[in-house]
C-alpha atoms as a PDB file:
ATOM      1  CA  MET A   1     127.982 126.438 118.727  1.00  0.00           C
ATOM      2  CA  SER A   2     130.288 124.543 116.386  1.00  0.00           C
ATOM      3  CA  ALA A   3     128.797 122.216 113.783  1.00  0.00           C
ATOM      4  CA  PRO A   4     130.184 119.026 115.392  1.00  0.00           C
ATOM      5  CA  ARG A   5     128.877 120.033 118.818  1.00  0.00           C
ATOM      6  CA  ARG A   6     125.467 120.948 117.376  1.00  0.00           C
ATOM      7  CA  ARG A   7     125.328 117.630 115.516  1.00  0.00           C
ATOM      8  CA  LEU A   8     126.221 115.758 118.704  1.00  0.00           C
ATOM      9  CA  VAL A   9     123.351 117.494 120.500  1.00  0.00           C
ATOM     10  CA  VAL A  10     121.000 116.658 117.606  1.00  0.00           C
ATOM     11  CA  THR A  11     122.082 113.001 117.768  1.00  0.00           C
ATOM     12  CA  ALA A  12     121.370 112.880 121.504  1.00  0.00           C
ATOM     13  CA  LEU A  13     117.984 114.540 120.979  1.00  0.00           C
ATOM     14  CA  ALA A  14     117.052 112.015 118.281  1.00  0.00           C
ATOM     15  CA  VAL A  15     117.835 109.118 120.634  1.00  0.00           C
ATOM     16  CA  LEU A  16     115.890 110.755 123.462  1.00  0.00           C
ATOM     17  CA  THR A  17     112.947 111.413 121.158  1.00  0.00           C
ATOM     18  CA  ALA A  18     112.732 107.745 120.131  1.00  0.00           C
ATOM     19  CA  ALA A  19     113.021 106.671 123.776  1.00  0.00           C
ATOM     20  CA  LEU A  20     110.281 109.126 124.743  1.00  0.00           C
ATOM     21  CA  VAL A  21     107.885 107.703 122.137  1.00  0.00           C
ATOM     22  CA  TRP A  22     108.659 104.195 123.448  1.00  0.00           C
ATOM     23  CA  LEU A  23     108.142 105.377 127.041  1.00  0.00           C
ATOM     24  CA  ILE A  24     104.728 106.800 126.219  1.00  0.00           C
ATOM     25  CA  ALA A  25     103.587 103.830 124.134  1.00  0.00           C
ATOM     26  CA  ASP A  26     104.885 100.940 126.201  1.00  0.00           C
ATOM     27  CA  PRO A  27     105.048 101.647 129.935  1.00  0.00           C
ATOM     28  CA  LEU A  28     102.738 104.661 130.168  1.00  0.00           C
ATOM     29  CA  LEU A  29      99.953 103.583 127.804  1.00  0.00           C
ATOM     30  CA  GLY A  30     100.561  99.917 128.560  1.00  0.00           C
ATOM     31  CA  HIS A  31     100.844  98.713 124.967  1.00  0.00           C
ATOM     32  CA  ARG A  32     103.651  96.170 124.794  1.00  0.00           C
ATOM     33  CA  LEU A  33     105.509  96.732 121.528  1.00  0.00           C
ATOM     34  CA  GLN A  34     106.137  93.402 119.853  1.00  0.00           C
ATOM     35  CA  ILE A  35     106.644  91.882 116.436  1.00  0.00           C
ATOM     36  CA  ALA A  36     105.632  88.290 115.665  1.00  0.00           C
ATOM     37  CA  ASP A  37     107.936  86.350 113.361  1.00  0.00           C
ATOM     38  CA  GLY A  38     106.463  82.917 112.867  1.00  0.00           C
ATOM     39  CA  GLU A  39     106.791  81.088 116.171  1.00  0.00           C
ATOM     40  CA  GLN A  40     108.870  83.799 117.842  1.00  0.00           C
ATOM     41  CA  THR A  41     107.756  87.128 119.247  1.00  0.00           C
ATOM     42  CA  LEU A  42     110.243  89.974 119.482  1.00  0.00           C
ATOM     43  CA  HIS A  43     109.575  92.380 122.340  1.00  0.00           C
ATOM     44  CA  ILE A  44     110.817  95.880 121.592  1.00  0.00           C
ATOM     45  CA  GLY A  45     112.332  97.487 124.667  1.00  0.00           C
ATOM     46  CA  ALA A  46     113.997 100.811 125.413  1.00  0.00           C
ATOM     47  CA  ALA A  47     117.550  99.573 124.734  1.00  0.00           C
ATOM     48  CA  PRO A  48     116.884  98.411 121.140  1.00  0.00           C
ATOM     49  CA  VAL A  49     114.909 101.590 120.435  1.00  0.00           C
ATOM     50  CA  ALA A  50     117.755 103.800 121.680  1.00  0.00           C
ATOM     51  CA  SER A  51     120.378 101.680 119.899  1.00  0.00           C
ATOM     52  CA  VAL A  52     118.632 101.825 116.534  1.00  0.00           C
ATOM     53  CA  ALA A  53     118.031 105.578 116.881  1.00  0.00           C
ATOM     54  CA  LEU A  54     121.715 106.082 117.762  1.00  0.00           C
ATOM     55  CA  LEU A  55     122.869 103.955 114.832  1.00  0.00           C
ATOM     56  CA  ALA A  56     120.579 105.827 112.427  1.00  0.00           C
ATOM     57  CA  SER A  57     121.747 109.192 113.795  1.00  0.00           C
ATOM     58  CA  LEU A  58     125.436 108.380 113.561  1.00  0.00           C
ATOM     59  CA  SER A  59     124.990 106.950 110.054  1.00  0.00           C
ATOM     60  CA  ALA A  60     123.158 110.084 108.954  1.00  0.00           C
ATOM     61  CA  TRP A  61     125.861 112.299 110.461  1.00  0.00           C
ATOM     62  CA  GLU A  62     128.619 110.307 108.741  1.00  0.00           C
ATOM     63  CA  LEU A  63     126.877 110.467 105.366  1.00  0.00           C
ATOM     64  CA  LEU A  64     126.435 114.230 105.687  1.00  0.00           C
ATOM     65  CA  ALA A  65     130.076 114.713 106.716  1.00  0.00           C
ATOM     66  CA  THR A  66     131.223 112.600 103.772  1.00  0.00           C
ATOM     67  CA  LEU A  67     129.054 114.544 101.344  1.00  0.00           C
ATOM     68  CA  GLU A  68     130.356 117.831 102.730  1.00  0.00           C
ATOM     69  CA  ARG A  69     133.914 116.599 102.208  1.00  0.00           C
ATOM     70  CA  PHE A  70     133.432 115.450  98.612  1.00  0.00           C
ATOM     71  CA  THR A  71     130.654 117.627  97.168  1.00  0.00           C
ATOM     72  CA  ALA A  72     131.398 121.299  97.487  1.00  0.00           C
ATOM     73  CA  HIS A  73     128.082 122.797  96.479  1.00  0.00           C
ATOM     74  CA  ARG A  74     125.102 120.612  97.222  1.00  0.00           C
ATOM     75  CA  ALA A  75     125.962 118.402 100.207  1.00  0.00           C
ATOM     76  CA  ARG A  76     122.995 119.478 102.334  1.00  0.00           C
ATOM     77  CA  ALA A  77     120.505 119.216  99.468  1.00  0.00           C
ATOM     78  CA  ILE A  78     121.746 115.744  98.494  1.00  0.00           C
ATOM     79  CA  TRP A  79     121.751 114.627 102.123  1.00  0.00           C
ATOM     80  CA  THR A  80     118.228 115.924 102.763  1.00  0.00           C
ATOM     81  CA  TRP A  81     116.968 114.064  99.679  1.00  0.00           C
ATOM     82  CA  ALA A  82     118.758 110.859 100.787  1.00  0.00           C
ATOM     83  CA  ALA A  83     117.415 111.175 104.333  1.00  0.00           C
ATOM     84  CA  SER A  84     113.877 111.590 102.996  1.00  0.00           C
ATOM     85  CA  VAL A  85     114.261 108.476 100.831  1.00  0.00           C
ATOM     86  CA  VAL A  86     115.597 106.478 103.790  1.00  0.00           C
ATOM     87  CA  LEU A  87     112.635 107.642 105.881  1.00  0.00           C
ATOM     88  CA  ALA A  88     110.188 106.542 103.185  1.00  0.00           C
ATOM     89  CA  VAL A  89     111.896 103.145 102.825  1.00  0.00           C
ATOM     90  CA  SER A  90     111.843 102.677 106.605  1.00  0.00           C
ATOM     91  CA  PHE A  91     108.051 102.439 106.433  1.00  0.00           C
ATOM     92  CA  LEU A  92     108.088  99.389 104.123  1.00  0.00           C
ATOM     93  CA  PRO A  93     108.206  96.830 106.982  1.00  0.00           C
ATOM     94  CA  PHE A  94     104.958  98.274 108.337  1.00  0.00           C
ATOM     95  CA  ILE A  95     103.100  97.012 105.269  1.00  0.00           C
ATOM     96  CA  GLY A  96     103.489  93.341 106.196  1.00  0.00           C
ATOM     97  CA  ASP A  97     101.963  91.251 108.941  1.00  0.00           C
ATOM     98  CA  GLY A  98     103.510  90.493 112.281  1.00  0.00           C
ATOM     99  CA  MET A  99     102.521  93.490 114.357  1.00  0.00           C
ATOM    100  CA  ASP A 100      99.306  94.945 115.640  1.00  0.00           C
ATOM    101  CA  GLY A 101      98.067  98.458 114.927  1.00  0.00           C
ATOM    102  CA  GLY A 102      99.390  99.889 118.189  1.00  0.00           C
ATOM    103  CA  THR A 103     102.892  98.616 117.584  1.00  0.00           C
ATOM    104  CA  ARG A 104     102.777  99.725 113.949  1.00  0.00           C
ATOM    105  CA  SER A 105     101.634 103.213 114.992  1.00  0.00           C
ATOM    106  CA  ALA A 106     104.229 103.554 117.755  1.00  0.00           C
ATOM    107  CA  LEU A 107     107.082 102.450 115.498  1.00  0.00           C
ATOM    108  CA  ALA A 108     105.929 104.739 112.689  1.00  0.00           C
ATOM    109  CA  LEU A 109     105.769 107.624 115.150  1.00  0.00           C
ATOM    110  CA  MET A 110     109.309 106.797 116.317  1.00  0.00           C
ATOM    111  CA  HIS A 111     110.574 106.911 112.727  1.00  0.00           C
ATOM    112  CA  LEU A 112     108.858 110.251 112.112  1.00  0.00           C
ATOM    113  CA  ALA A 113     110.046 111.715 115.420  1.00  0.00           C
ATOM    114  CA  VAL A 114     113.677 110.770 114.823  1.00  0.00           C
ATOM    115  CA  ALA A 115     113.499 112.129 111.264  1.00  0.00           C
ATOM    116  CA  ALA A 116     111.883 115.344 112.511  1.00  0.00           C
ATOM    117  CA  VAL A 117     114.897 115.888 114.766  1.00  0.00           C
ATOM    118  CA  LEU A 118     117.649 114.632 112.441  1.00  0.00           C
ATOM    119  CA  ILE A 119     116.733 116.102 109.070  1.00  0.00           C
ATOM    120  CA  PRO A 120     116.522 119.767 110.044  1.00  0.00           C
ATOM    121  CA  GLY A 121     118.979 119.393 112.928  1.00  0.00           C
ATOM    122  CA  LEU A 122     121.896 117.836 111.083  1.00  0.00           C
ATOM    123  CA  ALA A 123     121.498 119.665 107.787  1.00  0.00           C
ATOM    124  CA  GLY A 124     120.532 123.044 109.169  1.00  0.00           C
ATOM    125  CA  ARG A 125     122.838 125.871 110.007  1.00  0.00           C
ATOM    126  CA  GLY A 126     122.568 127.278 113.473  1.00  0.00           C
ATOM    127  CA  PRO A 127     123.460 130.807 114.490  1.00  0.00           C
ATOM    128  CA  GLY A 128     127.174 131.487 114.303  1.00  0.00           C
ATOM    129  CA  THR A 129     127.997 128.618 111.955  1.00  0.00           C
ATOM    130  CA  ARG A 130     129.778 129.275 108.714  1.00  0.00           C
ATOM    131  CA  SER A 131     128.295 128.523 105.360  1.00  0.00           C
ATOM    132  CA  ASN A 132     129.982 125.858 103.252  1.00  0.00           C
ATOM    133  CA  ASP A 133     128.310 127.236 100.159  1.00  0.00           C
ATOM    134  CA  SER A 134     130.261 128.991  97.456  1.00  0.00           C
ATOM    135  CA  ASP A 135     129.093 131.774  95.183  1.00  0.00           C
ATOM    136  CA  VAL A 136     129.080 131.576  91.386  1.00  0.00           C
ATOM    137  CA  THR A 137     132.806 132.401  91.102  1.00  0.00           C
ATOM    138  CA  GLY A 138     133.746 129.626  93.507  1.00  0.00           C
ATOM    139  CA  ALA A 139     134.900 132.001  96.228  1.00  0.00           C
ATOM    140  CA  ARG A 140     133.890 131.201  99.763  1.00  0.00           C
ATOM    141  CA  ARG A 141     131.384 133.532 101.341  1.00  0.00           C
END
C-alpha cells in the first residue's frame, strides 16, 4: 500500500476511533458529554468529535509531509516528538473546571485513542513502503 493511501486509512481510523469512544460514553453508557462555560453548557456530540479528530489527523499528516519534504534525515523522529508534545498539551484543558469526571475521562480517552492510531500509523512504515532514510554517505537505500 502506498504511503498516501495508508495515511488516508489511518486518518479514517482515527476519526472512527474517536467516534467509537463517544458512542460508548454518550449513547451506550448514557453519560451526556458536556462542558460548562459560565452560563452556557456545550453538549459534545458525534459531529464535533469526528470533526476535531479529522482536523487533528489532517494537520498531523500535513506536518509530517512537510517535514519529509524539508528534512531529509529525521522527519519521522521530529514528527513523533511534536505529536507527543501536542498530545501532552491537549490534556491541559482537563485541569480546569467546567466538566465532570465522566466527561473528562471520555475526552481524555478520545485524545489517547486518536494518538494511539495516528502516531504509529502516520509515522510508521508499512510493508512494501520505501524508506526515506539515507545512509551515512547520503545515498538512498
